[in-house]
């Protein structure tokens, strides 16, 4: 499947079931854990469970002048897409990401023996029971999981922009007052 089809599929089918409650850190790196669920294409009726985290480096409004960097997203393993072609692909479609480094680490890849709805309920209940306010729960097609995770991360960065602006202004005011 080409990039355009994968991107369209991710946009159409990505669902953020449970967003991260805690805000991203304005002046520090933030680890953003996630559980990504998708219907298994091999074992019909089962669910693929990908657990990982994305390290978002300094997600603030003050951005470095270089372009985004993606590590650990496994783009191109099948089609030889390099990072530059992914960035160009997104830019042409009007998708802009803050010029930060996004480093994905997949911790586990398992099968949940049950359909996607049961898996969603199971992991949602588990996160609530453990009072996990850091981990996001996402669903989407397995073949475009990278784009689905990026959509999730972008939603977290966008949600955080208001807090970042307040923190930046507060810091500027303190420095100006000499505190």
Foldseek 3Di string as FASTA:
>chain_A
DDPVVLLVQLVVFKDFPFAQQDAADQAAKDKFKEWEWEQDPVDHFKIKIWTKIKTWGNLAPDADPDAEAEAPLPPCPPPNDDPVNVSVVCVVVVHGDGRTYIYMDTPDIDMGNGHPVVVSVVVVVVCVVVVPNRYIYMYGHPVNVSSSVVVSVRVSSVVNHVVNVVVVVVVVVCVVVVD
